[in-house]
Amino acid sequence: MDKGGWIRVVESFMAIALLLAFLLVFIGQVERSNEGMSAVERTSITLLKGIESEPVFRNEILSLSLPSNSDEPSFPSNIKDFISENSLLNVGCHLYVCSLGSVCLLEESVEGEVYSSESLVFSNETLYSPRKIKIFCY
């Protein structure tokens, strides 16, 4: 009986097991590094869904002059309050409202990571005025 064949089978099995272990450790580290980012992204998406689903907020978004952002004094205070109350601690979020064809850009320079999400608001019961709402969190 040839023992060399069995040794090669065991060596192959050990090599595959080591590769799988390395991949599992590497994938686990990548997922852990994205956990903080996921919380901010989830928050920004939740804020946008809250704004687009609330009829009072929709009506105010549709009546704004374009472009507009939450830093302006004329921006509706109840939307500002909703954003500040539902944002994560130590994360500032700013909402920009612009037309569908334009690009909503953050108008200030920020050091660090900036997370953004956008959604579309088209109409209410009486008015069709498509708008893009984009939130920047940093």
N, C-alpha and C. Protein backbone atom coordinates (compact mmCIF):
# COMPACT_ATOMS: atom_id res chain seq x y z
N MET A 1 0.84 -1.17 0.00
CA MET A 1 0.00 0.00 0.00
C MET A 1 0.89 1.24 0.00
N ASP A 2 0.56 2.20 -0.85
CA ASP A 2 1.38 3.41 -1.01
C ASP A 2 0.88 4.50 -0.06
N LYS A 3 1.71 4.87 0.93
CA LYS A 3 1.34 5.89 1.91
C LYS A 3 1.57 7.29 1.35
N GLY A 4 2.34 7.45 0.30
CA GLY A 4 2.59 8.76 -0.30
C GLY A 4 1.33 9.40 -0.85
N GLY A 5 0.41 8.60 -1.37
CA GLY A 5 -0.85 9.13 -1.91
C GLY A 5 -1.72 9.72 -0.83
N TRP A 6 -1.80 9.03 0.32
CA TRP A 6 -2.59 9.51 1.43
C TRP A 6 -2.02 10.80 2.01
N ILE A 7 -0.72 10.90 2.04
CA ILE A 7 -0.09 12.11 2.57
C ILE A 7 -0.41 13.31 1.67
N ARG A 8 -0.43 13.11 0.38
CA ARG A 8 -0.78 14.20 -0.54
C ARG A 8 -2.24 14.63 -0.38
N VAL A 9 -3.12 13.68 -0.13
CA VAL A 9 -4.53 14.01 0.10
C VAL A 9 -4.66 14.84 1.37
N VAL A 10 -3.99 14.46 2.43
CA VAL A 10 -4.04 15.19 3.69
C VAL A 10 -3.43 16.59 3.51
N GLU A 11 -2.32 16.70 2.79
CA GLU A 11 -1.70 18.00 2.53
C GLU A 11 -2.65 18.91 1.76
N SER A 12 -3.32 18.37 0.77
CA SER A 12 -4.29 19.17 -0.01
C SER A 12 -5.44 19.64 0.86
N PHE A 13 -5.95 18.76 1.69
CA PHE A 13 -7.04 19.13 2.59
C PHE A 13 -6.62 20.24 3.55
N MET A 14 -5.42 20.14 4.10
CA MET A 14 -4.92 21.16 5.03
C MET A 14 -4.73 22.51 4.32
N ALA A 15 -4.25 22.49 3.08
CA ALA A 15 -4.07 23.74 2.33
C ALA A 15 -5.41 24.42 2.08
N ILE A 16 -6.42 23.66 1.72
CA ILE A 16 -7.76 24.23 1.48
C ILE A 16 -8.33 24.78 2.79
N ALA A 17 -8.14 24.06 3.90
CA ALA A 17 -8.65 24.52 5.19
C ALA A 17 -7.97 25.83 5.60
N LEU A 18 -6.68 25.96 5.40
CA LEU A 18 -5.98 27.20 5.72
C LEU A 18 -6.46 28.37 4.87
N LEU A 19 -6.67 28.14 3.59
CA LEU A 19 -7.18 29.20 2.72
C LEU A 19 -8.58 29.66 3.15
N LEU A 20 -9.46 28.72 3.47
CA LEU A 20 -10.81 29.07 3.91
C LEU A 20 -10.76 29.85 5.23
N ALA A 21 -9.91 29.44 6.15
CA ALA A 21 -9.78 30.15 7.42
C ALA A 21 -9.30 31.58 7.19
N PHE A 22 -8.33 31.76 6.33
CA PHE A 22 -7.83 33.10 6.01
C PHE A 22 -8.94 33.97 5.42
N LEU A 23 -9.70 33.42 4.48
CA LEU A 23 -10.79 34.19 3.85
C LEU A 23 -11.86 34.57 4.87
N LEU A 24 -12.22 33.66 5.77
CA LEU A 24 -13.23 33.97 6.78
C LEU A 24 -12.76 35.08 7.72
N VAL A 25 -11.52 35.06 8.13
CA VAL A 25 -10.99 36.11 8.99
C VAL A 25 -10.97 37.44 8.25
N PHE A 26 -10.55 37.45 7.01
CA PHE A 26 -10.48 38.67 6.21
C PHE A 26 -11.88 39.26 6.00
N ILE A 27 -12.85 38.44 5.65
CA ILE A 27 -14.22 38.92 5.42
C ILE A 27 -14.80 39.47 6.72
N GLY A 28 -14.53 38.84 7.85
CA GLY A 28 -15.02 39.33 9.14
C GLY A 28 -14.47 40.70 9.48
N GLN A 29 -13.22 40.97 9.16
CA GLN A 29 -12.63 42.27 9.44
C GLN A 29 -13.22 43.35 8.54
N VAL A 30 -13.49 43.03 7.29
CA VAL A 30 -14.09 44.00 6.38
C VAL A 30 -15.49 44.37 6.85
N GLU A 31 -16.27 43.40 7.29
CA GLU A 31 -17.63 43.68 7.76
C GLU A 31 -17.61 44.54 9.01
N ARG A 32 -16.69 44.30 9.94
CA ARG A 32 -16.60 45.09 11.15
C ARG A 32 -16.22 46.53 10.86
N SER A 33 -15.40 46.77 9.86
CA SER A 33 -14.99 48.14 9.55
C SER A 33 -16.13 48.94 8.91
N ASN A 34 -17.15 48.28 8.36
CA ASN A 34 -18.27 48.97 7.73
C ASN A 34 -19.45 49.18 8.67
N GLU A 35 -19.36 48.74 9.95
CA GLU A 35 -20.49 48.87 10.85
C GLU A 35 -20.83 50.31 11.16
N GLY A 36 -19.83 51.18 11.42
CA GLY A 36 -20.09 52.58 11.71
C GLY A 36 -20.70 53.29 10.52
N MET A 37 -20.22 52.99 9.34
CA MET A 37 -20.75 53.59 8.13
C MET A 37 -22.21 53.18 7.94
N SER A 38 -22.55 51.96 8.23
CA SER A 38 -23.91 51.48 8.05
C SER A 38 -24.89 52.23 8.94
N ALA A 39 -24.50 52.56 10.16
CA ALA A 39 -25.40 53.27 11.06
C ALA A 39 -25.72 54.67 10.52
N VAL A 40 -24.73 55.37 10.01
CA VAL A 40 -24.96 56.70 9.45
C VAL A 40 -25.81 56.61 8.19
N GLU A 41 -25.51 55.64 7.34
CA GLU A 41 -26.31 55.46 6.13
C GLU A 41 -27.75 55.10 6.46
N ARG A 42 -27.95 54.21 7.43
CA ARG A 42 -29.31 53.85 7.83
C ARG A 42 -30.05 55.06 8.36
N THR A 43 -29.36 55.89 9.14
CA THR A 43 -29.98 57.10 9.68
C THR A 43 -30.38 58.06 8.57
N SER A 44 -29.50 58.26 7.60
CA SER A 44 -29.84 59.20 6.52
C SER A 44 -31.01 58.68 5.69
N ILE A 45 -31.06 57.39 5.44
CA ILE A 45 -32.18 56.82 4.69
C ILE A 45 -33.47 56.93 5.49
N THR A 46 -33.39 56.69 6.80
CA THR A 46 -34.58 56.82 7.65
C THR A 46 -35.09 58.26 7.66
N LEU A 47 -34.17 59.22 7.72
CA LEU A 47 -34.58 60.62 7.68
C LEU A 47 -35.29 60.96 6.37
N LEU A 48 -34.72 60.52 5.25
CA LEU A 48 -35.35 60.80 3.96
C LEU A 48 -36.73 60.16 3.86
N LYS A 49 -36.86 58.91 4.30
CA LYS A 49 -38.17 58.25 4.24
C LYS A 49 -39.18 58.94 5.14
N GLY A 50 -38.72 59.42 6.30
CA GLY A 50 -39.62 60.15 7.18
C GLY A 50 -40.10 61.44 6.57
N ILE A 51 -39.22 62.14 5.88
CA ILE A 51 -39.59 63.41 5.24
C ILE A 51 -40.52 63.18 4.06
N GLU A 52 -40.22 62.19 3.24
CA GLU A 52 -41.05 61.99 2.04
C GLU A 52 -42.40 61.35 2.36
N SER A 53 -42.53 60.67 3.48
CA SER A 53 -43.80 60.02 3.80
C SER A 53 -44.73 60.89 4.64
N GLU A 54 -44.22 61.91 5.29
CA GLU A 54 -45.05 62.79 6.11
C GLU A 54 -45.68 63.87 5.22
N PRO A 55 -47.02 63.92 5.14
CA PRO A 55 -47.68 64.88 4.24
C PRO A 55 -47.32 66.35 4.50
N VAL A 56 -47.16 66.74 5.76
CA VAL A 56 -46.82 68.14 6.06
C VAL A 56 -45.44 68.47 5.51
N PHE A 57 -44.48 67.56 5.70
CA PHE A 57 -43.14 67.78 5.18
C PHE A 57 -43.14 67.80 3.66
N ARG A 58 -43.90 66.90 3.04
CA ARG A 58 -43.99 66.86 1.57
C ARG A 58 -44.49 68.19 1.02
N ASN A 59 -45.56 68.69 1.61
CA ASN A 59 -46.13 69.95 1.15
C ASN A 59 -45.13 71.09 1.27
N GLU A 60 -44.38 71.12 2.35
CA GLU A 60 -43.40 72.19 2.53
C GLU A 60 -42.23 72.05 1.55
N ILE A 61 -41.81 70.80 1.29
CA ILE A 61 -40.73 70.57 0.31
C ILE A 61 -41.19 71.02 -1.07
N LEU A 62 -42.43 70.70 -1.43
CA LEU A 62 -42.94 71.04 -2.75
C LEU A 62 -43.16 72.55 -2.92
N SER A 63 -43.32 73.27 -1.83
CA SER A 63 -43.56 74.72 -1.94
C SER A 63 -42.28 75.55 -1.82
N LEU A 64 -41.14 74.92 -1.57
CA LEU A 64 -39.88 75.67 -1.45
C LEU A 64 -39.41 76.20 -2.80
N SER A 65 -38.72 77.33 -2.78
CA SER A 65 -38.06 77.80 -3.99
C SER A 65 -36.78 77.01 -4.16
N LEU A 66 -36.40 76.77 -5.40
CA LEU A 66 -35.23 75.93 -5.68
C LEU A 66 -34.03 76.77 -6.08
N PRO A 67 -32.85 76.35 -5.80
CA PRO A 67 -32.47 75.32 -4.82
C PRO A 67 -32.59 75.87 -3.41
N SER A 68 -32.70 74.96 -2.45
CA SER A 68 -32.86 75.35 -1.07
C SER A 68 -32.13 74.34 -0.18
N ASN A 69 -31.71 74.76 0.99
CA ASN A 69 -31.08 73.82 1.92
C ASN A 69 -31.45 74.17 3.35
N SER A 70 -31.21 73.23 4.24
CA SER A 70 -31.65 73.38 5.63
C SER A 70 -30.83 74.39 6.42
N ASP A 71 -29.77 74.93 5.84
CA ASP A 71 -28.99 75.96 6.52
C ASP A 71 -29.59 77.36 6.34
N GLU A 72 -30.49 77.50 5.40
CA GLU A 72 -31.10 78.80 5.14
C GLU A 72 -32.12 79.16 6.22
N PRO A 73 -32.20 80.43 6.59
CA PRO A 73 -33.17 80.82 7.63
C PRO A 73 -34.62 80.62 7.20
N SER A 74 -34.91 80.68 5.90
CA SER A 74 -36.28 80.52 5.43
C SER A 74 -36.71 79.06 5.30
N PHE A 75 -35.81 78.12 5.54
CA PHE A 75 -36.14 76.70 5.45
C PHE A 75 -37.11 76.35 6.58
N PRO A 76 -38.12 75.50 6.30
CA PRO A 76 -39.12 75.17 7.33
C PRO A 76 -38.49 74.61 8.61
N SER A 77 -38.86 75.20 9.73
CA SER A 77 -38.24 74.83 11.01
C SER A 77 -38.66 73.43 11.47
N ASN A 78 -39.87 72.98 11.11
CA ASN A 78 -40.27 71.64 11.55
C ASN A 78 -39.45 70.55 10.86
N ILE A 79 -39.01 70.77 9.64
CA ILE A 79 -38.14 69.80 8.97
C ILE A 79 -36.75 69.85 9.60
N LYS A 80 -36.26 71.05 9.91
CA LYS A 80 -34.97 71.16 10.60
C LYS A 80 -35.02 70.42 11.94
N ASP A 81 -36.11 70.61 12.68
CA ASP A 81 -36.25 69.94 13.98
C ASP A 81 -36.29 68.42 13.82
N PHE A 82 -37.03 67.94 12.81
CA PHE A 82 -37.11 66.50 12.55
C PHE A 82 -35.72 65.93 12.27
N ILE A 83 -34.93 66.63 11.47
CA ILE A 83 -33.58 66.16 11.14
C ILE A 83 -32.69 66.14 12.38
N SER A 84 -32.72 67.21 13.16
CA SER A 84 -31.84 67.27 14.33
C SER A 84 -32.26 66.27 15.41
N GLU A 85 -33.56 66.03 15.58
CA GLU A 85 -34.03 65.08 16.58
C GLU A 85 -33.73 63.63 16.22
N ASN A 86 -33.69 63.32 14.93
CA ASN A 86 -33.51 61.94 14.49
C ASN A 86 -32.12 61.62 13.97
N SER A 87 -31.20 62.57 14.08
CA SER A 87 -29.82 62.32 13.66
C SER A 87 -29.05 61.65 14.79
N LEU A 88 -27.97 60.98 14.43
CA LEU A 88 -27.10 60.37 15.43
C LEU A 88 -26.35 61.46 16.18
N LEU A 89 -25.93 61.14 17.40
CA LEU A 89 -25.12 62.09 18.16
C LEU A 89 -23.80 62.31 17.43
N ASN A 90 -23.30 63.51 17.48
CA ASN A 90 -22.03 63.89 16.85
C ASN A 90 -22.05 63.78 15.33
N VAL A 91 -23.22 63.68 14.74
CA VAL A 91 -23.34 63.64 13.28
C VAL A 91 -24.29 64.75 12.87
N GLY A 92 -23.81 65.68 12.06
CA GLY A 92 -24.66 66.75 11.56
C GLY A 92 -25.20 66.38 10.20
N CYS A 93 -26.50 66.53 10.02
CA CYS A 93 -27.12 66.22 8.73
C CYS A 93 -27.76 67.49 8.17
N HIS A 94 -27.60 67.70 6.87
CA HIS A 94 -28.15 68.86 6.18
C HIS A 94 -28.92 68.39 4.96
N LEU A 95 -30.11 68.95 4.78
CA LEU A 95 -30.98 68.56 3.68
C LEU A 95 -30.91 69.61 2.58
N TYR A 96 -30.78 69.14 1.35
CA TYR A 96 -30.77 70.02 0.17
C TYR A 96 -31.95 69.63 -0.71
N VAL A 97 -32.63 70.63 -1.26
CA VAL A 97 -33.76 70.41 -2.16
C VAL A 97 -33.42 71.08 -3.47
N CYS A 98 -33.51 70.33 -4.57
CA CYS A 98 -33.20 70.91 -5.88
C CYS A 98 -34.08 70.26 -6.94
N SER A 99 -34.01 70.76 -8.15
CA SER A 99 -34.81 70.21 -9.24
C SER A 99 -34.23 68.88 -9.70
N LEU A 100 -35.03 68.11 -10.41
CA LEU A 100 -34.60 66.77 -10.83
C LEU A 100 -33.38 66.80 -11.73
N GLY A 101 -33.29 67.75 -12.61
CA GLY A 101 -32.19 67.79 -13.56
C GLY A 101 -30.89 68.33 -13.01
N SER A 102 -30.92 68.96 -11.86
CA SER A 102 -29.70 69.57 -11.33
C SER A 102 -28.99 68.61 -10.37
N VAL A 103 -27.77 68.98 -10.06
CA VAL A 103 -26.95 68.19 -9.14
C VAL A 103 -26.95 68.89 -7.79
N CYS A 104 -27.37 68.19 -6.76
CA CYS A 104 -27.33 68.75 -5.40
C CYS A 104 -25.95 68.49 -4.83
N LEU A 105 -25.20 69.54 -4.59
CA LEU A 105 -23.86 69.40 -4.04
C LEU A 105 -23.79 70.07 -2.68
N LEU A 106 -22.97 69.51 -1.83
CA LEU A 106 -22.72 70.10 -0.53
C LEU A 106 -21.94 71.39 -0.77
N GLU A 107 -22.44 72.49 -0.24
CA GLU A 107 -21.88 73.80 -0.56
C GLU A 107 -20.71 74.20 0.32
N GLU A 108 -20.36 73.37 1.29
CA GLU A 108 -19.26 73.72 2.18
C GLU A 108 -18.20 72.64 2.16
N SER A 109 -17.00 73.01 2.52
CA SER A 109 -15.90 72.06 2.57
C SER A 109 -15.90 71.39 3.95
N VAL A 110 -15.80 70.06 3.95
CA VAL A 110 -15.87 69.30 5.18
C VAL A 110 -14.69 68.35 5.25
N GLU A 111 -14.03 68.32 6.39
CA GLU A 111 -12.96 67.35 6.59
C GLU A 111 -13.58 66.08 7.16
N GLY A 112 -13.13 64.94 6.68
CA GLY A 112 -13.67 63.67 7.14
C GLY A 112 -14.62 63.08 6.13
N GLU A 113 -15.32 62.05 6.57
CA GLU A 113 -16.22 61.33 5.68
C GLU A 113 -17.58 62.01 5.63
N VAL A 114 -18.15 62.05 4.44
CA VAL A 114 -19.49 62.60 4.23
C VAL A 114 -20.35 61.51 3.61
N TYR A 115 -21.49 61.25 4.21
CA TYR A 115 -22.42 60.25 3.70
C TYR A 115 -23.63 60.98 3.12
N SER A 116 -24.07 60.54 1.96
CA SER A 116 -25.22 61.19 1.35
C SER A 116 -26.20 60.14 0.82
N SER A 117 -27.45 60.52 0.84
CA SER A 117 -28.53 59.71 0.27
C SER A 117 -29.50 60.68 -0.38
N GLU A 118 -30.20 60.20 -1.37
CA GLU A 118 -31.17 61.09 -2.03
C GLU A 118 -32.46 60.33 -2.32
N SER A 119 -33.50 61.11 -2.49
CA SER A 119 -34.82 60.56 -2.81
C SER A 119 -35.55 61.58 -3.67
N LEU A 120 -36.65 61.16 -4.23
CA LEU A 120 -37.44 62.05 -5.08
C LEU A 120 -38.83 62.24 -4.48
N VAL A 121 -39.30 63.47 -4.54
CA VAL A 121 -40.66 63.81 -4.12
C VAL A 121 -41.32 64.43 -5.34
N PHE A 122 -42.44 63.85 -5.76
CA PHE A 122 -43.07 64.31 -7.00
C PHE A 122 -44.28 65.20 -6.79
N SER A 123 -45.17 64.81 -5.91
CA SER A 123 -46.42 65.58 -5.83
C SER A 123 -47.13 65.33 -4.51
N ASN A 124 -48.17 66.14 -4.30
CA ASN A 124 -49.15 65.88 -3.25
C ASN A 124 -50.50 65.78 -3.92
N GLU A 125 -51.60 65.98 -3.20
CA GLU A 125 -52.92 65.80 -3.82
C GLU A 125 -53.23 66.85 -4.88
N THR A 126 -52.66 68.04 -4.78
CA THR A 126 -53.04 69.13 -5.68
C THR A 126 -51.91 69.66 -6.56
N LEU A 127 -50.67 69.33 -6.25
CA LEU A 127 -49.55 69.97 -6.93
C LEU A 127 -48.56 68.93 -7.44
N TYR A 128 -48.19 69.06 -8.72
CA TYR A 128 -47.13 68.22 -9.29
C TYR A 128 -45.92 69.10 -9.51
N SER A 129 -44.90 68.88 -8.69
CA SER A 129 -43.68 69.69 -8.76
C SER A 129 -42.51 68.81 -8.33
N PRO A 130 -41.96 68.01 -9.25
CA PRO A 130 -40.92 67.05 -8.87
C PRO A 130 -39.68 67.72 -8.28
N ARG A 131 -39.21 67.15 -7.18
CA ARG A 131 -38.04 67.67 -6.47
C ARG A 131 -37.12 66.52 -6.08
N LYS A 132 -35.86 66.83 -6.00
CA LYS A 132 -34.88 65.88 -5.48
C LYS A 132 -34.50 66.37 -4.09
N ILE A 133 -34.58 65.47 -3.09
CA ILE A 133 -34.11 65.81 -1.76
C ILE A 133 -32.88 64.96 -1.48
N LYS A 134 -31.85 65.62 -1.01
CA LYS A 134 -30.59 64.93 -0.75
C LYS A 134 -30.10 65.33 0.62
N ILE A 135 -29.69 64.33 1.39
CA ILE A 135 -29.22 64.59 2.74
C ILE A 135 -27.74 64.26 2.83
N PHE A 136 -27.00 65.14 3.47
CA PHE A 136 -25.57 64.95 3.70
C PHE A 136 -25.36 64.85 5.20
N CYS A 137 -24.71 63.78 5.64
CA CYS A 137 -24.41 63.61 7.06
C CYS A 137 -22.91 63.50 7.23
N TYR A 138 -22.39 64.26 8.17
CA TYR A 138 -20.95 64.23 8.45
C TYR A 138 -20.69 64.58 9.89
